[in-house]
Amino acid sequence: MKPKFTPGPWHVFDPVEYGTLEVQNEECDPVASGIEDGSDAAIIAAAPEMYEALEMVMKAWEDLEKPDYDEIDRVLKKARGEK
């Protein structure tokens, strides 16, 4: 299933004139703005890559015992905008 969020990679942009940070996609379109904390901006910017990493883990776990499969599946569905 293809995720519904804006594809990555995303990066943090620091427009000096506004005093807050913004997360942008490759085309420099804003994904999130008005972010005051650099740590928050960094985790938001990493979201597409974290999603991809979790998908890789899910595929690797398909043949293994799945201790937290339901929770990981729930979070991936939430990220894709599914119920």
PDB file of N, CA and C in Angstrom:
ATOM      1  N   MET A   1       0.847  -1.181   0.000  1.00  0.00           N
ATOM      2  CA  MET A   1       0.000   0.000   0.000  1.00  0.00           C
ATOM      3  C   MET A   1       0.890   1.242   0.000  1.00  0.00           C
ATOM      4  N   LYS A   2       0.604   2.150  -0.869  1.00  0.00           N
ATOM      5  CA  LYS A   2       1.375   3.395  -0.974  1.00  0.00           C
ATOM      6  C   LYS A   2       0.921   4.365   0.125  1.00  0.00           C
ATOM      7  N   PRO A   3       1.871   4.981   0.852  1.00  0.00           N
ATOM      8  CA  PRO A   3       1.495   5.953   1.885  1.00  0.00           C
ATOM      9  C   PRO A   3       0.858   7.200   1.277  1.00  0.00           C
ATOM     10  N   LYS A   4       0.043   7.874   2.078  1.00  0.00           N
ATOM     11  CA  LYS A   4      -0.674   9.064   1.606  1.00  0.00           C
ATOM     12  C   LYS A   4       0.064  10.364   1.917  1.00  0.00           C
ATOM     13  N   PHE A   5       1.161  10.283   2.646  1.00  0.00           N
ATOM     14  CA  PHE A   5       1.884  11.513   2.989  1.00  0.00           C
ATOM     15  C   PHE A   5       2.783  11.959   1.840  1.00  0.00           C
ATOM     16  N   THR A   6       3.250  13.191   1.912  1.00  0.00           N
ATOM     17  CA  THR A   6       4.152  13.746   0.908  1.00  0.00           C
ATOM     18  C   THR A   6       5.438  12.930   0.872  1.00  0.00           C
ATOM     19  N   PRO A   7       5.839  12.445  -0.297  1.00  0.00           N
ATOM     20  CA  PRO A   7       7.048  11.628  -0.383  1.00  0.00           C
ATOM     21  C   PRO A   7       8.290  12.393   0.069  1.00  0.00           C
ATOM     22  N   GLY A   8       9.233  11.670   0.620  1.00  0.00           N
ATOM     23  CA  GLY A   8      10.490  12.264   1.045  1.00  0.00           C
ATOM     24  C   GLY A   8      11.497  12.227  -0.088  1.00  0.00           C
ATOM     25  N   PRO A   9      12.706  12.640   0.143  1.00  0.00           N
ATOM     26  CA  PRO A   9      13.209  13.062   1.441  1.00  0.00           C
ATOM     27  C   PRO A   9      12.760  14.471   1.808  1.00  0.00           C
ATOM     28  N   TRP A  10      12.729  14.692   3.108  1.00  0.00           N
ATOM     29  CA  TRP A  10      12.406  16.021   3.631  1.00  0.00           C
ATOM     30  C   TRP A  10      13.652  16.589   4.295  1.00  0.00           C
ATOM     31  N   HIS A  11      13.727  17.900   4.379  1.00  0.00           N
ATOM     32  CA  HIS A  11      14.847  18.552   5.054  1.00  0.00           C
ATOM     33  C   HIS A  11      14.342  19.730   5.874  1.00  0.00           C
ATOM     34  N   VAL A  12      15.159  20.133   6.849  1.00  0.00           N
ATOM     35  CA  VAL A  12      14.820  21.281   7.704  1.00  0.00           C
ATOM     36  C   VAL A  12      15.339  22.543   7.034  1.00  0.00           C
ATOM     37  N   PHE A  13      14.482  23.544   6.967  1.00  0.00           N
ATOM     38  CA  PHE A  13      14.832  24.853   6.414  1.00  0.00           C
ATOM     39  C   PHE A  13      14.683  25.870   7.535  1.00  0.00           C
ATOM     40  N   ASP A  14      15.663  26.732   7.682  1.00  0.00           N
ATOM     41  CA  ASP A  14      15.656  27.729   8.755  1.00  0.00           C
ATOM     42  C   ASP A  14      15.613  29.132   8.152  1.00  0.00           C
ATOM     43  N   PRO A  15      14.401  29.625   7.860  1.00  0.00           N
ATOM     44  CA  PRO A  15      14.298  30.988   7.329  1.00  0.00           C
ATOM     45  C   PRO A  15      14.507  32.005   8.450  1.00  0.00           C
ATOM     46  N   VAL A  16      15.626  32.670   8.412  1.00  0.00           N
ATOM     47  CA  VAL A  16      16.007  33.589   9.484  1.00  0.00           C
ATOM     48  C   VAL A  16      14.943  34.661   9.733  1.00  0.00           C
ATOM     49  N   GLU A  17      14.282  35.099   8.697  1.00  0.00           N
ATOM     50  CA  GLU A  17      13.347  36.212   8.842  1.00  0.00           C
ATOM     51  C   GLU A  17      12.076  35.860   9.627  1.00  0.00           C
ATOM     52  N   TYR A  18      11.757  34.565   9.775  1.00  0.00           N
ATOM     53  CA  TYR A  18      10.520  34.195  10.459  1.00  0.00           C
ATOM     54  C   TYR A  18      10.728  33.733  11.892  1.00  0.00           C
ATOM     55  N   GLY A  19      11.907  33.277  12.232  1.00  0.00           N
ATOM     56  CA  GLY A  19      12.188  32.867  13.597  1.00  0.00           C
ATOM     57  C   GLY A  19      11.712  31.466  13.951  1.00  0.00           C
ATOM     58  N   THR A  20      11.108  30.757  13.020  1.00  0.00           N
ATOM     59  CA  THR A  20      10.720  29.371  13.247  1.00  0.00           C
ATOM     60  C   THR A  20      11.262  28.511  12.102  1.00  0.00           C
ATOM     61  N   LEU A  21      11.247  27.221  12.321  1.00  0.00           N
ATOM     62  CA  LEU A  21      11.770  26.290  11.322  1.00  0.00           C
ATOM     63  C   LEU A  21      10.649  25.753  10.445  1.00  0.00           C
ATOM     64  N   GLU A  22      11.032  25.236   9.316  1.00  0.00           N
ATOM     65  CA  GLU A  22      10.078  24.650   8.382  1.00  0.00           C
ATOM     66  C   GLU A  22      10.694  23.358   7.844  1.00  0.00           C
ATOM     67  N   VAL A  23       9.867  22.353   7.629  1.00  0.00           N
ATOM     68  CA  VAL A  23      10.305  21.122   6.982  1.00  0.00           C
ATOM     69  C   VAL A  23       9.782  21.164   5.558  1.00  0.00           C
ATOM     70  N   GLN A  24      10.689  20.909   4.599  1.00  0.00           N
ATOM     71  CA  GLN A  24      10.331  20.998   3.182  1.00  0.00           C
ATOM     72  C   GLN A  24      10.653  19.681   2.471  1.00  0.00           C
ATOM     73  N   ASN A  25       9.962  19.458   1.348  1.00  0.00           N
ATOM     74  CA  ASN A  25      10.277  18.305   0.514  1.00  0.00           C
ATOM     75  C   ASN A  25      11.386  18.683  -0.464  1.00  0.00           C
ATOM     76  N   GLU A  26      11.705  17.783  -1.399  1.00  0.00           N
ATOM     77  CA  GLU A  26      12.795  18.039  -2.354  1.00  0.00           C
ATOM     78  C   GLU A  26      12.576  19.267  -3.216  1.00  0.00           C
ATOM     79  N   GLU A  27      11.302  19.592  -3.497  1.00  0.00           N
ATOM     80  CA  GLU A  27      10.988  20.756  -4.322  1.00  0.00           C
ATOM     81  C   GLU A  27      10.907  22.044  -3.505  1.00  0.00           C
ATOM     82  N   CYS A  28      11.287  21.975  -2.234  1.00  0.00           N
ATOM     83  CA  CYS A  28      11.246  23.102  -1.293  1.00  0.00           C
ATOM     84  C   CYS A  28       9.820  23.539  -0.971  1.00  0.00           C
ATOM     85  N   ASP A  29       8.859  22.664  -1.163  1.00  0.00           N
ATOM     86  CA  ASP A  29       7.487  22.931  -0.732  1.00  0.00           C
ATOM     87  C   ASP A  29       7.393  22.616   0.749  1.00  0.00           C
ATOM     88  N   PRO A  30       6.703  23.457   1.534  1.00  0.00           N
ATOM     89  CA  PRO A  30       6.600  23.178   2.969  1.00  0.00           C
ATOM     90  C   PRO A  30       5.755  21.941   3.254  1.00  0.00           C
ATOM     91  N   VAL A  31       6.249  21.128   4.171  1.00  0.00           N
ATOM     92  CA  VAL A  31       5.522  19.968   4.659  1.00  0.00           C
ATOM     93  C   VAL A  31       4.988  20.290   6.053  1.00  0.00           C
ATOM     94  N   ALA A  32       5.774  21.018   6.838  1.00  0.00           N
ATOM     95  CA  ALA A  32       5.385  21.474   8.174  1.00  0.00           C
ATOM     96  C   ALA A  32       6.078  22.811   8.409  1.00  0.00           C
ATOM     97  N   SER A  33       5.393  23.735   9.062  1.00  0.00           N
ATOM     98  CA  SER A  33       6.000  25.045   9.309  1.00  0.00           C
ATOM     99  C   SER A  33       5.645  25.520  10.716  1.00  0.00           C
ATOM    100  N   GLY A  34       6.293  26.592  11.135  1.00  0.00           N
ATOM    101  CA  GLY A  34       6.049  27.150  12.457  1.00  0.00           C
ATOM    102  C   GLY A  34       6.642  26.306  13.574  1.00  0.00           C
ATOM    103  N   ILE A  35       7.657  25.527  13.275  1.00  0.00           N
ATOM    104  CA  ILE A  35       8.275  24.635  14.257  1.00  0.00           C
ATOM    105  C   ILE A  35       9.322  25.433  15.035  1.00  0.00           C
ATOM    106  N   GLU A  36       9.192  25.441  16.342  1.00  0.00           N
ATOM    107  CA  GLU A  36      10.084  26.259  17.164  1.00  0.00           C
ATOM    108  C   GLU A  36      11.313  25.512  17.652  1.00  0.00           C
ATOM    109  N   ASP A  37      11.243  24.204  17.737  1.00  0.00           N
ATOM    110  CA  ASP A  37      12.343  23.418  18.295  1.00  0.00           C
ATOM    111  C   ASP A  37      13.048  22.624  17.197  1.00  0.00           C
ATOM    112  N   GLY A  38      14.368  22.746  17.143  1.00  0.00           N
ATOM    113  CA  GLY A  38      15.147  22.045  16.133  1.00  0.00           C
ATOM    114  C   GLY A  38      15.035  20.533  16.223  1.00  0.00           C
ATOM    115  N   SER A  39      14.891  20.009  17.438  1.00  0.00           N
ATOM    116  CA  SER A  39      14.735  18.556  17.608  1.00  0.00           C
ATOM    117  C   SER A  39      13.421  18.087  17.009  1.00  0.00           C
ATOM    118  N   ASP A  40      12.354  18.859  17.189  1.00  0.00           N
ATOM    119  CA  ASP A  40      11.069  18.515  16.593  1.00  0.00           C
ATOM    120  C   ASP A  40      11.157  18.544  15.071  1.00  0.00           C
ATOM    121  N   ALA A  41      11.819  19.549  14.541  1.00  0.00           N
ATOM    122  CA  ALA A  41      11.968  19.660  13.087  1.00  0.00           C
ATOM    123  C   ALA A  41      12.753  18.471  12.544  1.00  0.00           C
ATOM    124  N   ALA A  42      13.779  18.047  13.263  1.00  0.00           N
ATOM    125  CA  ALA A  42      14.610  16.929  12.807  1.00  0.00           C
ATOM    126  C   ALA A  42      13.810  15.630  12.753  1.00  0.00           C
ATOM    127  N   ILE A  43      12.994  15.356  13.764  1.00  0.00           N
ATOM    128  CA  ILE A  43      12.218  14.114  13.773  1.00  0.00           C
ATOM    129  C   ILE A  43      11.134  14.143  12.697  1.00  0.00           C
ATOM    130  N   ILE A  44      10.548  15.315  12.461  1.00  0.00           N
ATOM    131  CA  ILE A  44       9.548  15.437  11.397  1.00  0.00           C
ATOM    132  C   ILE A  44      10.219  15.202  10.041  1.00  0.00           C
ATOM    133  N   ALA A  45      11.388  15.801   9.835  1.00  0.00           N
ATOM    134  CA  ALA A  45      12.091  15.652   8.558  1.00  0.00           C
ATOM    135  C   ALA A  45      12.507  14.200   8.312  1.00  0.00           C
ATOM    136  N   ALA A  46      12.735  13.440   9.358  1.00  0.00           N
ATOM    137  CA  ALA A  46      13.149  12.045   9.227  1.00  0.00           C
ATOM    138  C   ALA A  46      11.976  11.088   9.015  1.00  0.00           C
ATOM    139  N   ALA A  47      10.753  11.569   9.140  1.00  0.00           N
ATOM    140  CA  ALA A  47       9.568  10.704   9.099  1.00  0.00           C
ATOM    141  C   ALA A  47       9.490   9.801   7.866  1.00  0.00           C
ATOM    142  N   PRO A  48       9.671  10.292   6.637  1.00  0.00           N
ATOM    143  CA  PRO A  48       9.573   9.385   5.485  1.00  0.00           C
ATOM    144  C   PRO A  48      10.608   8.266   5.521  1.00  0.00           C
ATOM    145  N   GLU A  49      11.825   8.571   5.962  1.00  0.00           N
ATOM    146  CA  GLU A  49      12.869   7.561   6.030  1.00  0.00           C
ATOM    147  C   GLU A  49      12.585   6.561   7.155  1.00  0.00           C
ATOM    148  N   MET A  50      12.038   7.046   8.280  1.00  0.00           N
ATOM    149  CA  MET A  50      11.669   6.132   9.364  1.00  0.00           C
ATOM    150  C   MET A  50      10.553   5.209   8.912  1.00  0.00           C
ATOM    151  N   TYR A  51       9.602   5.730   8.160  1.00  0.00           N
ATOM    152  CA  TYR A  51       8.518   4.914   7.624  1.00  0.00           C
ATOM    153  C   TYR A  51       9.078   3.803   6.731  1.00  0.00           C
ATOM    154  N   GLU A  52       9.992   4.161   5.837  1.00  0.00           N
ATOM    155  CA  GLU A  52      10.598   3.170   4.946  1.00  0.00           C
ATOM    156  C   GLU A  52      11.360   2.107   5.741  1.00  0.00           C
ATOM    157  N   ALA A  53      12.066   2.535   6.789  1.00  0.00           N
ATOM    158  CA  ALA A  53      12.811   1.584   7.612  1.00  0.00           C
ATOM    159  C   ALA A  53      11.859   0.625   8.323  1.00  0.00           C
ATOM    160  N   LEU A  54      10.752   1.136   8.835  1.00  0.00           N
ATOM    161  CA  LEU A  54       9.772   0.263   9.486  1.00  0.00           C
ATOM    162  C   LEU A  54       9.160  -0.725   8.494  1.00  0.00           C
ATOM    163  N   GLU A  55       8.926  -0.287   7.273  1.00  0.00           N
ATOM    164  CA  GLU A  55       8.414  -1.205   6.259  1.00  0.00           C
ATOM    165  C   GLU A  55       9.419  -2.325   5.981  1.00  0.00           C
ATOM    166  N   MET A  56      10.705  -1.992   5.930  1.00  0.00           N
ATOM    167  CA  MET A  56      11.728  -3.017   5.720  1.00  0.00           C
ATOM    168  C   MET A  56      11.738  -4.013   6.880  1.00  0.00           C
ATOM    169  N   VAL A  57      11.610  -3.510   8.095  1.00  0.00           N
ATOM    170  CA  VAL A  57      11.571  -4.380   9.264  1.00  0.00           C
ATOM    171  C   VAL A  57      10.361  -5.304   9.189  1.00  0.00           C
ATOM    172  N   MET A  58       9.216  -4.758   8.814  1.00  0.00           N
ATOM    173  CA  MET A  58       8.000  -5.572   8.709  1.00  0.00           C
ATOM    174  C   MET A  58       8.196  -6.699   7.693  1.00  0.00           C
ATOM    175  N   LYS A  59       8.802  -6.398   6.557  1.00  0.00           N
ATOM    176  CA  LYS A  59       9.032  -7.431   5.546  1.00  0.00           C
ATOM    177  C   LYS A  59      10.003  -8.494   6.060  1.00  0.00           C
ATOM    178  N   ALA A  60      11.033  -8.076   6.791  1.00  0.00           N
ATOM    179  CA  ALA A  60      12.004  -9.019   7.337  1.00  0.00           C
ATOM    180  C   ALA A  60      11.374  -9.908   8.404  1.00  0.00           C
ATOM    181  N   TRP A  61      10.418  -9.390   9.147  1.00  0.00           N
ATOM    182  CA  TRP A  61       9.773 -10.139  10.226  1.00  0.00           C
ATOM    183  C   TRP A  61       8.700 -11.101   9.727  1.00  0.00           C
ATOM    184  N   GLU A  62       8.331 -11.025   8.465  1.00  0.00           N
ATOM    185  CA  GLU A  62       7.252 -11.879   7.971  1.00  0.00           C
ATOM    186  C   GLU A  62       7.522 -13.356   8.231  1.00  0.00           C
ATOM    187  N   ASP A  63       8.779 -13.783   8.193  1.00  0.00           N
ATOM    188  CA  ASP A  63       9.122 -15.186   8.408  1.00  0.00           C
ATOM    189  C   ASP A  63       9.575 -15.475   9.835  1.00  0.00           C
ATOM    190  N   LEU A  64       9.585 -14.482  10.683  1.00  0.00           N
ATOM    191  CA  LEU A  64      10.027 -14.645  12.064  1.00  0.00           C
ATOM    192  C   LEU A  64       8.842 -14.529  13.019  1.00  0.00           C
ATOM    193  N   GLU A  65       9.101 -14.852  14.261  1.00  0.00           N
ATOM    194  CA  GLU A  65       8.081 -14.640  15.284  1.00  0.00           C
ATOM    195  C   GLU A  65       7.849 -13.136  15.404  1.00  0.00           C
ATOM    196  N   LYS A  66       6.608 -12.754  15.524  1.00  0.00           N
ATOM    197  CA  LYS A  66       6.245 -11.334  15.496  1.00  0.00           C
ATOM    198  C   LYS A  66       5.759 -10.867  16.875  1.00  0.00           C
ATOM    199  N   PRO A  67       6.673 -10.510  17.773  1.00  0.00           N
ATOM    200  CA  PRO A  67       6.244 -10.142  19.121  1.00  0.00           C
ATOM    201  C   PRO A  67       5.377  -8.889  19.186  1.00  0.00           C
ATOM    202  N   ASP A  68       5.626  -7.908  18.312  1.00  0.00           N
ATOM    203  CA  ASP A  68       4.876  -6.650  18.362  1.00  0.00           C
ATOM    204  C   ASP A  68       4.295  -6.309  16.994  1.00  0.00           C
ATOM    205  N   TYR A  69       4.012  -7.303  16.197  1.00  0.00           N
ATOM    206  CA  TYR A  69       3.540  -7.090  14.838  1.00  0.00           C
ATOM    207  C   TYR A  69       2.285  -6.223  14.789  1.00  0.00           C
ATOM    208  N   ASP A  70       1.325  -6.490  15.654  1.00  0.00           N
ATOM    209  CA  ASP A  70       0.067  -5.731  15.626  1.00  0.00           C
ATOM    210  C   ASP A  70       0.293  -4.248  15.893  1.00  0.00           C
ATOM    211  N   GLU A  71       1.174  -3.921  16.818  1.00  0.00           N
ATOM    212  CA  GLU A  71       1.448  -2.514  17.135  1.00  0.00           C
ATOM    213  C   GLU A  71       2.153  -1.822  15.980  1.00  0.00           C
ATOM    214  N   ILE A  72       3.139  -2.479  15.387  1.00  0.00           N
ATOM    215  CA  ILE A  72       3.854  -1.884  14.254  1.00  0.00           C
ATOM    216  C   ILE A  72       2.905  -1.711  13.069  1.00  0.00           C
ATOM    217  N   ASP A  73       2.081  -2.710  12.816  1.00  0.00           N
ATOM    218  CA  ASP A  73       1.104  -2.619  11.733  1.00  0.00           C
ATOM    219  C   ASP A  73       0.130  -1.462  11.974  1.00  0.00           C
ATOM    220  N   ARG A  74      -0.298  -1.283  13.232  1.00  0.00           N
ATOM    221  CA  ARG A  74      -1.210  -0.193  13.573  1.00  0.00           C
ATOM    222  C   ARG A  74      -0.559   1.162  13.281  1.00  0.00           C
ATOM    223  N   VAL A  75       0.721   1.312  13.644  1.00  0.00           N
ATOM    224  CA  VAL A  75       1.416   2.591  13.432  1.00  0.00           C
ATOM    225  C   VAL A  75       1.617   2.858  11.938  1.00  0.00           C
ATOM    226  N   LEU A  76       1.965   1.826  11.170  1.00  0.00           N
ATOM    227  CA  LEU A  76       2.127   2.014   9.723  1.00  0.00           C
ATOM    228  C   LEU A  76       0.793   2.404   9.073  1.00  0.00           C
ATOM    229  N   LYS A  77      -0.304   1.755   9.498  1.00  0.00           N
ATOM    230  CA  LYS A  77      -1.620   2.110   8.964  1.00  0.00           C
ATOM    231  C   LYS A  77      -1.970   3.549   9.311  1.00  0.00           C
ATOM    232  N   LYS A  78      -1.657   3.975  10.529  1.00  0.00           N
ATOM    233  CA  LYS A  78      -1.925   5.351  10.940  1.00  0.00           C
ATOM    234  C   LYS A  78      -1.130   6.324  10.067  1.00  0.00           C
ATOM    235  N   ALA A  79       0.143   5.990   9.797  1.00  0.00           N
ATOM    236  CA  ALA A  79       0.984   6.857   8.963  1.00  0.00           C
ATOM    237  C   ALA A  79       0.469   6.948   7.533  1.00  0.00           C
ATOM    238  N   ARG A  80      -0.177   5.853   7.056  1.00  0.00           N
ATOM    239  CA  ARG A  80      -0.729   5.852   5.702  1.00  0.00           C
ATOM    240  C   ARG A  80      -2.115   6.468   5.652  1.00  0.00           C
ATOM    241  N   GLY A  81      -2.660   6.850   6.807  1.00  0.00           N
ATOM    242  CA  GLY A  81      -3.993   7.444   6.851  1.00  0.00           C
ATOM    243  C   GLY A  81      -5.101   6.423   6.807  1.00  0.00           C
ATOM    244  N   GLU A  82      -4.777   5.168   7.129  1.00  0.00           N
ATOM    245  CA  GLU A  82      -5.789   4.114   7.146  1.00  0.00           C
ATOM    246  C   GLU A  82      -6.341   3.964   8.562  1.00  0.00           C
ATOM    247  N   LYS A  83      -7.459   3.283   8.669  1.00  0.00           N
ATOM    248  CA  LYS A  83      -8.044   3.041   9.990  1.00  0.00           C
ATOM    249  C   LYS A  83      -7.710   1.673  10.489  1.00  0.00           C
TER     250      LYS A  83
END
